[in-house]
């Protein structure tokens, strides 16, 4: 019946000399080969489609963010209760870009714009949940909250065999780390250039602090506890003030945490993830830290 509609533009009823002319237009929203009948690929379907428009991914991060902002659904009250810092918003969008280049994700299936849309909605929901748990009227999304988008990433990509071996959660976390690593040099001095001595090292005091201390960023920390923990790191606020002029308040705190995630992504400090919480510390200490207590 579908083939007849596409080819002849009408419906024929068996047993009756009747043809119902149709004035309709079909728009297919997936690859023709993906439409199946009882598990069998319908190859003649593509032949009956008059025009096939090949879609493309957004070429720039700004275009991608505009699409995501346009399509994402904010529930009533979320925009007043949850603030998404610019640096976190850009990292979230880069996750989709990294996924499209990942060797662990099926290139044929692709990574649509629905991934960052779902991820943004999930991210905002995680922040709203923290605000409700803490009895707060408002909260700001943190870089650590990106752990909450792992289910959204897993639900929007198809893994190849190697990706299945790595595990869906592991692939998603790796994409988040790569997105952070990609965004970091656009805001702060590139660590690769720092290592080669091409630019001054503004991170020395931060790395030195973690040689003697650990810092846990808990997803359900109150905003006051979160700010106090970041301010305890020597030199961290100074880096943000120097390279992010004009960034203050909630945006500054997000940038401070982003510095820590960037240093961890470049293996300058250690990082361990336990559930929804992240702990930063000495790189060597994290490498040799036991995974659990032995009885």
C-alpha atoms as a PDB file:
ATOM      1  CA  UNK A   1       0.000   0.000   0.000  1.00  0.00           C
ATOM      2  CA  UNK A   2       2.843   2.383   0.810  1.00  0.00           C
ATOM      3  CA  UNK A   3       4.567   1.636  -2.480  1.00  0.00           C
ATOM      4  CA  UNK A   4       1.305   2.248  -4.361  1.00  0.00           C
ATOM      5  CA  UNK A   5       0.783   5.586  -2.646  1.00  0.00           C
ATOM      6  CA  UNK A   6       4.311   6.666  -3.492  1.00  0.00           C
ATOM      7  CA  UNK A   7       4.248   5.391  -7.090  1.00  0.00           C
ATOM      8  CA  UNK A   8       0.650   5.950  -8.223  1.00  0.00           C
ATOM      9  CA  UNK A   9      -0.552   8.562  -5.761  1.00  0.00           C
ATOM     10  CA  UNK A  10      -3.737   6.688  -4.941  1.00  0.00           C
ATOM     11  CA  UNK A  11      -5.243   3.859  -2.893  1.00  0.00           C
ATOM     12  CA  UNK A  12      -6.833   0.834  -4.566  1.00  0.00           C
ATOM     13  CA  UNK A  13      -9.361  -1.262  -2.651  1.00  0.00           C
ATOM     14  CA  UNK A  14      -9.283  -4.943  -3.494  1.00  0.00           C
ATOM     15  CA  UNK A  15     -12.542  -6.329  -4.856  1.00  0.00           C
ATOM     16  CA  UNK A  16     -13.877  -2.922  -5.801  1.00  0.00           C
ATOM     17  CA  UNK A  17     -13.373  -0.864  -8.932  1.00  0.00           C
ATOM     18  CA  UNK A  18     -12.350   2.112  -6.830  1.00  0.00           C
ATOM     19  CA  UNK A  19      -9.305   4.317  -6.723  1.00  0.00           C
ATOM     20  CA  UNK A  20      -8.977   7.073  -4.142  1.00  0.00           C
ATOM     21  CA  UNK A  21      -6.767   9.849  -5.450  1.00  0.00           C
ATOM     22  CA  UNK A  22      -4.519  11.354  -2.802  1.00  0.00           C
ATOM     23  CA  UNK A  23      -3.187  14.881  -2.611  1.00  0.00           C
ATOM     24  CA  UNK A  24      -0.586  14.360   0.083  1.00  0.00           C
ATOM     25  CA  UNK A  25       3.146  14.638   0.471  1.00  0.00           C
ATOM     26  CA  UNK A  26       5.390  12.158   2.257  1.00  0.00           C
ATOM     27  CA  UNK A  27       8.459  13.289   4.153  1.00  0.00           C
ATOM     28  CA  UNK A  28      10.798  10.571   5.391  1.00  0.00           C
ATOM     29  CA  UNK A  29      12.860  11.426   8.446  1.00  0.00           C
ATOM     30  CA  UNK A  30      15.415   8.613   8.332  1.00  0.00           C
ATOM     31  CA  UNK A  31      17.506   6.775   5.787  1.00  0.00           C
ATOM     32  CA  UNK A  32      15.223   4.799   3.426  1.00  0.00           C
ATOM     33  CA  UNK A  33      17.190   1.641   4.132  1.00  0.00           C
ATOM     34  CA  UNK A  34      16.229   1.971   7.793  1.00  0.00           C
ATOM     35  CA  UNK A  35      12.517   1.414   7.144  1.00  0.00           C
ATOM     36  CA  UNK A  36      11.895  -2.280   7.668  1.00  0.00           C
ATOM     37  CA  UNK A  37       9.047  -4.717   7.276  1.00  0.00           C
ATOM     38  CA  UNK A  38       9.270  -7.669   9.669  1.00  0.00           C
ATOM     39  CA  UNK A  39      12.985  -7.175   9.974  1.00  0.00           C
ATOM     40  CA  UNK A  40      13.709  -7.091   6.228  1.00  0.00           C
ATOM     41  CA  UNK A  41      15.199  -4.006   4.610  1.00  0.00           C
ATOM     42  CA  UNK A  42      12.858  -2.480   2.027  1.00  0.00           C
ATOM     43  CA  UNK A  43      15.250  -1.587  -0.756  1.00  0.00           C
ATOM     44  CA  UNK A  44      12.547  -0.575  -3.325  1.00  0.00           C
ATOM     45  CA  UNK A  45      11.467   2.213  -1.006  1.00  0.00           C
ATOM     46  CA  UNK A  46      14.431   4.397  -1.867  1.00  0.00           C
ATOM     47  CA  UNK A  47      13.635   4.096  -5.571  1.00  0.00           C
ATOM     48  CA  UNK A  48      10.174   5.575  -4.995  1.00  0.00           C
ATOM     49  CA  UNK A  49      11.366   8.600  -3.077  1.00  0.00           C
ATOM     50  CA  UNK A  50      11.611  11.534  -5.465  1.00  0.00           C
ATOM     51  CA  UNK A  51      14.277  13.564  -3.710  1.00  0.00           C
ATOM     52  CA  UNK A  52      16.722  12.730  -0.973  1.00  0.00           C
ATOM     53  CA  UNK A  53      18.108  15.652   0.994  1.00  0.00           C
ATOM     54  CA  UNK A  54      21.345  14.863   2.781  1.00  0.00           C
ATOM     55  CA  UNK A  55      21.403  16.586   6.128  1.00  0.00           C
ATOM     56  CA  UNK A  56      24.581  17.759   7.794  1.00  0.00           C
ATOM     57  CA  UNK A  57      25.816  18.497  11.259  1.00  0.00           C
ATOM     58  CA  UNK A  58      26.248  22.095  12.451  1.00  0.00           C
ATOM     59  CA  UNK A  59      29.574  23.392  11.219  1.00  0.00           C
ATOM     60  CA  UNK A  60      30.239  25.626  14.205  1.00  0.00           C
ATOM     61  CA  UNK A  61      29.770  25.320  17.928  1.00  0.00           C
ATOM     62  CA  UNK A  62      27.678  28.504  17.939  1.00  0.00           C
ATOM     63  CA  UNK A  63      25.225  27.108  15.363  1.00  0.00           C
ATOM     64  CA  UNK A  64      24.934  23.874  17.334  1.00  0.00           C
ATOM     65  CA  UNK A  65      24.250  25.764  20.552  1.00  0.00           C
ATOM     66  CA  UNK A  66      21.558  27.832  18.843  1.00  0.00           C
ATOM     67  CA  UNK A  67      19.795  24.682  17.657  1.00  0.00           C
ATOM     68  CA  UNK A  68      20.006  23.074  21.083  1.00  0.00           C
ATOM     69  CA  UNK A  69      18.744  26.195  22.850  1.00  0.00           C
ATOM     70  CA  UNK A  70      15.866  26.417  20.394  1.00  0.00           C
ATOM     71  CA  UNK A  71      14.765  22.796  20.739  1.00  0.00           C
ATOM     72  CA  UNK A  72      15.454  22.009  24.407  1.00  0.00           C
ATOM     73  CA  UNK A  73      12.429  22.078  26.692  1.00  0.00           C
ATOM     74  CA  UNK A  74      12.666  23.893  30.000  1.00  0.00           C
ATOM     75  CA  UNK A  75      10.025  22.906  32.506  1.00  0.00           C
ATOM     76  CA  UNK A  76       8.077  25.667  34.283  1.00  0.00           C
ATOM     77  CA  UNK A  77      10.249  27.390  36.854  1.00  0.00           C
ATOM     78  CA  UNK A  78      13.541  25.815  35.761  1.00  0.00           C
ATOM     79  CA  UNK A  79      14.908  28.946  34.114  1.00  0.00           C
ATOM     80  CA  UNK A  80      14.441  30.867  37.365  1.00  0.00           C
ATOM     81  CA  UNK A  81      15.836  28.090  39.541  1.00  0.00           C
ATOM     82  CA  UNK A  82      18.813  26.875  37.459  1.00  0.00           C
ATOM     83  CA  UNK A  83      21.602  28.888  35.821  1.00  0.00           C
ATOM     84  CA  UNK A  84      23.864  27.249  33.218  1.00  0.00           C
ATOM     85  CA  UNK A  85      27.313  28.934  33.031  1.00  0.00           C
ATOM     86  CA  UNK A  86      28.670  29.662  29.572  1.00  0.00           C
ATOM     87  CA  UNK A  87      31.724  27.419  29.957  1.00  0.00           C
ATOM     88  CA  UNK A  88      29.619  24.414  30.992  1.00  0.00           C
ATOM     89  CA  UNK A  89      27.180  25.083  28.163  1.00  0.00           C
ATOM     90  CA  UNK A  90      29.988  25.030  25.610  1.00  0.00           C
ATOM     91  CA  UNK A  91      31.500  21.834  27.002  1.00  0.00           C
ATOM     92  CA  UNK A  92      28.122  20.127  26.825  1.00  0.00           C
ATOM     93  CA  UNK A  93      27.751  21.037  23.153  1.00  0.00           C
ATOM     94  CA  UNK A  94      31.261  19.811  22.390  1.00  0.00           C
ATOM     95  CA  UNK A  95      30.304  16.350  23.649  1.00  0.00           C
ATOM     96  CA  UNK A  96      28.285  15.842  20.457  1.00  0.00           C
ATOM     97  CA  UNK A  97      31.208  17.025  18.304  1.00  0.00           C
ATOM     98  CA  UNK A  98      33.547  14.593  20.040  1.00  0.00           C
ATOM     99  CA  UNK A  99      31.014  11.779  19.690  1.00  0.00           C
ATOM    100  CA  UNK A 100      30.858  12.297  15.919  1.00  0.00           C
ATOM    101  CA  UNK A 101      34.620  11.781  15.712  1.00  0.00           C
ATOM    102  CA  UNK A 102      34.772   8.889  18.171  1.00  0.00           C
ATOM    103  CA  UNK A 103      36.060   5.537  16.975  1.00  0.00           C
ATOM    104  CA  UNK A 104      33.750   3.833  19.455  1.00  0.00           C
ATOM    105  CA  UNK A 105      30.521   5.185  17.949  1.00  0.00           C
ATOM    106  CA  UNK A 106      28.881   3.847  14.797  1.00  0.00           C
ATOM    107  CA  UNK A 107      29.474   6.486  12.143  1.00  0.00           C
ATOM    108  CA  UNK A 108      26.640   5.201   9.958  1.00  0.00           C
ATOM    109  CA  UNK A 109      24.087   5.692  12.715  1.00  0.00           C
ATOM    110  CA  UNK A 110      25.550   9.110  13.426  1.00  0.00           C
ATOM    111  CA  UNK A 111      25.064  11.482  16.325  1.00  0.00           C
ATOM    112  CA  UNK A 112      22.078  13.747  15.867  1.00  0.00           C
ATOM    113  CA  UNK A 113      21.268  17.093  17.454  1.00  0.00           C
ATOM    114  CA  UNK A 114      18.989  15.202  19.819  1.00  0.00           C
ATOM    115  CA  UNK A 115      22.023  14.236  21.916  1.00  0.00           C
ATOM    116  CA  UNK A 116      22.890  17.740  23.193  1.00  0.00           C
ATOM    117  CA  UNK A 117      19.180  18.560  23.451  1.00  0.00           C
ATOM    118  CA  UNK A 118      18.549  15.622  25.772  1.00  0.00           C
ATOM    119  CA  UNK A 119      21.834  16.248  27.581  1.00  0.00           C
ATOM    120  CA  UNK A 120      20.934  19.880  28.305  1.00  0.00           C
ATOM    121  CA  UNK A 121      17.530  18.889  29.644  1.00  0.00           C
ATOM    122  CA  UNK A 122      19.150  16.234  31.825  1.00  0.00           C
ATOM    123  CA  UNK A 123      21.785  18.696  33.040  1.00  0.00           C
ATOM    124  CA  UNK A 124      19.202  21.278  34.068  1.00  0.00           C
ATOM    125  CA  UNK A 125      17.151  18.601  35.814  1.00  0.00           C
ATOM    126  CA  UNK A 126      20.219  17.546  37.832  1.00  0.00           C
ATOM    127  CA  UNK A 127      20.755  21.109  38.993  1.00  0.00           C
ATOM    128  CA  UNK A 128      17.092  21.506  39.876  1.00  0.00           C
ATOM    129  CA  UNK A 129      17.195  18.296  41.903  1.00  0.00           C
ATOM    130  CA  UNK A 130      20.158  19.597  43.913  1.00  0.00           C
ATOM    131  CA  UNK A 131      18.328  22.850  44.623  1.00  0.00           C
ATOM    132  CA  UNK A 132      15.286  20.952  45.858  1.00  0.00           C
ATOM    133  CA  UNK A 133      17.371  18.651  48.054  1.00  0.00           C
ATOM    134  CA  UNK A 134      19.190  21.600  49.612  1.00  0.00           C
ATOM    135  CA  UNK A 135      16.042  23.638  50.052  1.00  0.00           C
ATOM    136  CA  UNK A 136      17.456  26.355  47.819  1.00  0.00           C
ATOM    137  CA  UNK A 137      15.503  28.629  45.511  1.00  0.00           C
ATOM    138  CA  UNK A 138      18.317  28.760  42.964  1.00  0.00           C
ATOM    139  CA  UNK A 139      21.503  26.957  41.953  1.00  0.00           C
ATOM    140  CA  UNK A 140      24.179  27.091  39.273  1.00  0.00           C
ATOM    141  CA  UNK A 141      25.169  24.145  37.122  1.00  0.00           C
ATOM    142  CA  UNK A 142      28.670  22.831  37.836  1.00  0.00           C
ATOM    143  CA  UNK A 143      31.132  21.014  35.614  1.00  0.00           C
ATOM    144  CA  UNK A 144      30.677  17.985  37.868  1.00  0.00           C
ATOM    145  CA  UNK A 145      27.002  17.970  36.904  1.00  0.00           C
ATOM    146  CA  UNK A 146      28.069  16.791  33.439  1.00  0.00           C
ATOM    147  CA  UNK A 147      28.199  13.314  34.979  1.00  0.00           C
ATOM    148  CA  UNK A 148      24.410  13.491  34.917  1.00  0.00           C
ATOM    149  CA  UNK A 149      24.331  13.585  31.107  1.00  0.00           C
ATOM    150  CA  UNK A 150      25.884  10.118  30.748  1.00  0.00           C
ATOM    151  CA  UNK A 151      22.449   8.426  30.423  1.00  0.00           C
ATOM    152  CA  UNK A 152      21.450  10.973  27.772  1.00  0.00           C
ATOM    153  CA  UNK A 153      24.619  10.242  25.783  1.00  0.00           C
ATOM    154  CA  UNK A 154      24.159   6.490  26.085  1.00  0.00           C
ATOM    155  CA  UNK A 155      20.592   6.764  24.840  1.00  0.00           C
ATOM    156  CA  UNK A 156      21.526   8.661  21.688  1.00  0.00           C
ATOM    157  CA  UNK A 157      24.513   6.761  20.272  1.00  0.00           C
ATOM    158  CA  UNK A 158      25.129   3.290  18.910  1.00  0.00           C
ATOM    159  CA  UNK A 159      28.468   1.747  19.813  1.00  0.00           C
ATOM    160  CA  UNK A 160      30.618  -0.374  17.549  1.00  0.00           C
ATOM    161  CA  UNK A 161      32.149  -3.587  18.882  1.00  0.00           C
ATOM    162  CA  UNK A 162      35.133  -1.807  20.424  1.00  0.00           C
ATOM    163  CA  UNK A 163      32.795   0.612  22.144  1.00  0.00           C
ATOM    164  CA  UNK A 164      30.774  -2.229  23.600  1.00  0.00           C
ATOM    165  CA  UNK A 165      34.001  -3.660  25.006  1.00  0.00           C
ATOM    166  CA  UNK A 166      34.807  -0.326  26.662  1.00  0.00           C
ATOM    167  CA  UNK A 167      31.314  -0.061  28.103  1.00  0.00           C
ATOM    168  CA  UNK A 168      28.682   2.572  27.399  1.00  0.00           C
ATOM    169  CA  UNK A 169      29.343   4.546  30.585  1.00  0.00           C
ATOM    170  CA  UNK A 170      33.104   4.512  29.992  1.00  0.00           C
ATOM    171  CA  UNK A 171      32.680   5.817  26.444  1.00  0.00           C
ATOM    172  CA  UNK A 172      30.344   8.584  27.620  1.00  0.00           C
ATOM    173  CA  UNK A 173      32.731   9.700  30.375  1.00  0.00           C
ATOM    174  CA  UNK A 174      35.611   9.705  27.892  1.00  0.00           C
ATOM    175  CA  UNK A 175      33.592  11.971  25.587  1.00  0.00           C
ATOM    176  CA  UNK A 176      32.993  14.405  28.443  1.00  0.00           C
ATOM    177  CA  UNK A 177      36.725  14.437  29.217  1.00  0.00           C
ATOM    178  CA  UNK A 178      37.620  15.032  25.561  1.00  0.00           C
ATOM    179  CA  UNK A 179      35.101  17.866  25.344  1.00  0.00           C
ATOM    180  CA  UNK A 180      36.699  19.508  28.386  1.00  0.00           C
ATOM    181  CA  UNK A 181      40.163  19.027  26.910  1.00  0.00           C
ATOM    182  CA  UNK A 182      39.031  20.594  23.627  1.00  0.00           C
ATOM    183  CA  UNK A 183      37.399  23.607  25.275  1.00  0.00           C
ATOM    184  CA  UNK A 184      40.162  24.291  27.795  1.00  0.00           C
ATOM    185  CA  UNK A 185      42.715  25.967  25.439  1.00  0.00           C
ATOM    186  CA  UNK A 186      40.014  28.325  24.144  1.00  0.00           C
ATOM    187  CA  UNK A 187      39.739  29.886  27.607  1.00  0.00           C
ATOM    188  CA  UNK A 188      43.047  29.288  29.410  1.00  0.00           C
ATOM    189  CA  UNK A 189      46.687  28.870  28.297  1.00  0.00           C
ATOM    190  CA  UNK A 190      47.209  25.627  26.395  1.00  0.00           C
ATOM    191  CA  UNK A 191      48.935  23.105  28.628  1.00  0.00           C
ATOM    192  CA  UNK A 192      50.810  21.626  25.685  1.00  0.00           C
ATOM    193  CA  UNK A 193      52.361  25.049  25.035  1.00  0.00           C
ATOM    194  CA  UNK A 194      53.078  25.414  28.744  1.00  0.00           C
ATOM    195  CA  UNK A 195      54.925  22.100  28.788  1.00  0.00           C
ATOM    196  CA  UNK A 196      57.042  23.168  25.816  1.00  0.00           C
ATOM    197  CA  UNK A 197      57.897  26.430  27.544  1.00  0.00           C
ATOM    198  CA  UNK A 198      56.226  28.606  24.916  1.00  0.00           C
ATOM    199  CA  UNK A 199      54.037  30.385  27.478  1.00  0.00           C
ATOM    200  CA  UNK A 200      54.327  30.995  31.190  1.00  0.00           C
ATOM    201  CA  UNK A 201      52.899  28.398  33.537  1.00  0.00           C
ATOM    202  CA  UNK A 202      50.025  29.905  35.540  1.00  0.00           C
ATOM    203  CA  UNK A 203      49.086  26.543  37.042  1.00  0.00           C
ATOM    204  CA  UNK A 204      52.151  25.865  39.224  1.00  0.00           C
ATOM    205  CA  UNK A 205      50.605  26.906  42.518  1.00  0.00           C
ATOM    206  CA  UNK A 206      47.438  24.917  41.784  1.00  0.00           C
ATOM    207  CA  UNK A 207      49.325  21.724  40.945  1.00  0.00           C
ATOM    208  CA  UNK A 208      51.568  22.211  43.989  1.00  0.00           C
ATOM    209  CA  UNK A 209      48.502  22.565  46.220  1.00  0.00           C
ATOM    210  CA  UNK A 210      47.202  19.201  45.033  1.00  0.00           C
ATOM    211  CA  UNK A 211      50.528  17.582  45.876  1.00  0.00           C
ATOM    212  CA  UNK A 212      49.510  17.993  49.514  1.00  0.00           C
ATOM    213  CA  UNK A 213      45.717  18.186  49.438  1.00  0.00           C
ATOM    214  CA  UNK A 214      42.626  16.573  47.965  1.00  0.00           C
ATOM    215  CA  UNK A 215      39.424  18.302  46.923  1.00  0.00           C
ATOM    216  CA  UNK A 216      36.057  16.594  46.550  1.00  0.00           C
ATOM    217  CA  UNK A 217      33.354  18.241  44.467  1.00  0.00           C
ATOM    218  CA  UNK A 218      30.074  16.665  45.512  1.00  0.00           C
ATOM    219  CA  UNK A 219      27.041  17.028  43.308  1.00  0.00           C
ATOM    220  CA  UNK A 220      24.741  17.753  46.261  1.00  0.00           C
ATOM    221  CA  UNK A 221      27.010  20.303  47.967  1.00  0.00           C
ATOM    222  CA  UNK A 222      25.305  23.565  48.783  1.00  0.00           C
ATOM    223  CA  UNK A 223      26.436  26.531  46.738  1.00  0.00           C
ATOM    224  CA  UNK A 224      28.211  27.975  49.786  1.00  0.00           C
ATOM    225  CA  UNK A 225      30.122  24.725  50.416  1.00  0.00           C
ATOM    226  CA  UNK A 226      30.987  24.499  46.731  1.00  0.00           C
ATOM    227  CA  UNK A 227      32.382  28.046  46.660  1.00  0.00           C
ATOM    228  CA  UNK A 228      34.371  27.535  49.866  1.00  0.00           C
ATOM    229  CA  UNK A 229      35.987  24.339  48.581  1.00  0.00           C
ATOM    230  CA  UNK A 230      37.144  26.005  45.351  1.00  0.00           C
ATOM    231  CA  UNK A 231      38.456  29.094  47.139  1.00  0.00           C
ATOM    232  CA  UNK A 232      40.605  26.820  49.305  1.00  0.00           C
ATOM    233  CA  UNK A 233      42.779  25.905  46.293  1.00  0.00           C
ATOM    234  CA  UNK A 234      45.820  28.188  46.166  1.00  0.00           C
ATOM    235  CA  UNK A 235      46.040  30.304  43.027  1.00  0.00           C
ATOM    236  CA  UNK A 236      42.839  29.006  41.454  1.00  0.00           C
ATOM    237  CA  UNK A 237      40.824  32.210  41.602  1.00  0.00           C
ATOM    238  CA  UNK A 238      43.858  34.209  40.431  1.00  0.00           C
ATOM    239  CA  UNK A 239      44.019  32.197  37.195  1.00  0.00           C
ATOM    240  CA  UNK A 240      40.355  32.856  36.465  1.00  0.00           C
ATOM    241  CA  UNK A 241      40.657  36.561  37.250  1.00  0.00           C
ATOM    242  CA  UNK A 242      43.658  36.861  34.918  1.00  0.00           C
ATOM    243  CA  UNK A 243      42.331  34.949  31.909  1.00  0.00           C
ATOM    244  CA  UNK A 244      38.588  35.539  32.295  1.00  0.00           C
ATOM    245  CA  UNK A 245      38.324  39.291  32.903  1.00  0.00           C
ATOM    246  CA  UNK A 246      34.824  40.411  33.735  1.00  0.00           C
ATOM    247  CA  UNK A 247      33.704  36.942  34.798  1.00  0.00           C
ATOM    248  CA  UNK A 248      32.350  37.124  38.321  1.00  0.00           C
ATOM    249  CA  UNK A 249      30.098  35.365  40.786  1.00  0.00           C
ATOM    250  CA  UNK A 250      28.571  32.085  39.638  1.00  0.00           C
ATOM    251  CA  UNK A 251      30.352  32.183  36.282  1.00  0.00           C
ATOM    252  CA  UNK A 252      33.709  32.622  38.028  1.00  0.00           C
ATOM    253  CA  UNK A 253      33.109  29.601  40.262  1.00  0.00           C
ATOM    254  CA  UNK A 254      32.231  27.475  37.230  1.00  0.00           C
ATOM    255  CA  UNK A 255      35.429  28.631  35.508  1.00  0.00           C
ATOM    256  CA  UNK A 256      37.444  27.781  38.626  1.00  0.00           C
ATOM    257  CA  UNK A 257      36.098  24.245  38.657  1.00  0.00           C
ATOM    258  CA  UNK A 258      36.658  24.039  34.905  1.00  0.00           C
ATOM    259  CA  UNK A 259      40.369  24.744  35.473  1.00  0.00           C
ATOM    260  CA  UNK A 260      40.562  21.684  37.734  1.00  0.00           C
ATOM    261  CA  UNK A 261      38.827  19.464  35.188  1.00  0.00           C
ATOM    262  CA  UNK A 262      41.114  20.796  32.467  1.00  0.00           C
ATOM    263  CA  UNK A 263      44.237  20.067  34.501  1.00  0.00           C
ATOM    264  CA  UNK A 264      42.925  16.557  35.152  1.00  0.00           C
ATOM    265  CA  UNK A 265      42.152  16.030  31.450  1.00  0.00           C
ATOM    266  CA  UNK A 266      45.779  16.917  30.660  1.00  0.00           C
ATOM    267  CA  UNK A 267      47.048  14.665  33.478  1.00  0.00           C
ATOM    268  CA  UNK A 268      48.471  17.515  35.529  1.00  0.00           C
ATOM    269  CA  UNK A 269      46.474  16.513  38.616  1.00  0.00           C
ATOM    270  CA  UNK A 270      44.669  13.319  39.530  1.00  0.00           C
ATOM    271  CA  UNK A 271      40.956  12.752  39.288  1.00  0.00           C
ATOM    272  CA  UNK A 272      38.727   9.952  40.523  1.00  0.00           C
ATOM    273  CA  UNK A 273      34.994   9.523  39.962  1.00  0.00           C
ATOM    274  CA  UNK A 274      32.837   7.770  42.531  1.00  0.00           C
ATOM    275  CA  UNK A 275      29.166   7.754  41.686  1.00  0.00           C
ATOM    276  CA  UNK A 276      28.104  11.355  41.135  1.00  0.00           C
ATOM    277  CA  UNK A 277      31.102  12.866  42.948  1.00  0.00           C
ATOM    278  CA  UNK A 278      34.596  13.777  41.755  1.00  0.00           C
ATOM    279  CA  UNK A 279      37.773  14.007  43.825  1.00  0.00           C
ATOM    280  CA  UNK A 280      40.877  15.848  42.630  1.00  0.00           C
ATOM    281  CA  UNK A 281      44.290  15.129  44.098  1.00  0.00           C
ATOM    282  CA  UNK A 282      47.906  14.280  43.461  1.00  0.00           C
ATOM    283  CA  UNK A 283      48.369  12.572  40.099  1.00  0.00           C
ATOM    284  CA  UNK A 284      50.779   9.918  41.405  1.00  0.00           C
ATOM    285  CA  UNK A 285      48.603   9.275  44.427  1.00  0.00           C
ATOM    286  CA  UNK A 286      45.601   8.632  42.203  1.00  0.00           C
ATOM    287  CA  UNK A 287      47.570   6.237  40.031  1.00  0.00           C
ATOM    288  CA  UNK A 288      48.508   4.048  42.994  1.00  0.00           C
ATOM    289  CA  UNK A 289      45.341   4.482  45.015  1.00  0.00           C
ATOM    290  CA  UNK A 290      43.767   1.078  45.752  1.00  0.00           C
ATOM    291  CA  UNK A 291      40.345   0.500  44.228  1.00  0.00           C
ATOM    292  CA  UNK A 292      38.917  -0.926  47.436  1.00  0.00           C
ATOM    293  CA  UNK A 293      39.720  -2.349  50.810  1.00  0.00           C
ATOM    294  CA  UNK A 294      40.939  -5.908  50.924  1.00  0.00           C
ATOM    295  CA  UNK A 295      39.579  -8.184  53.628  1.00  0.00           C
END
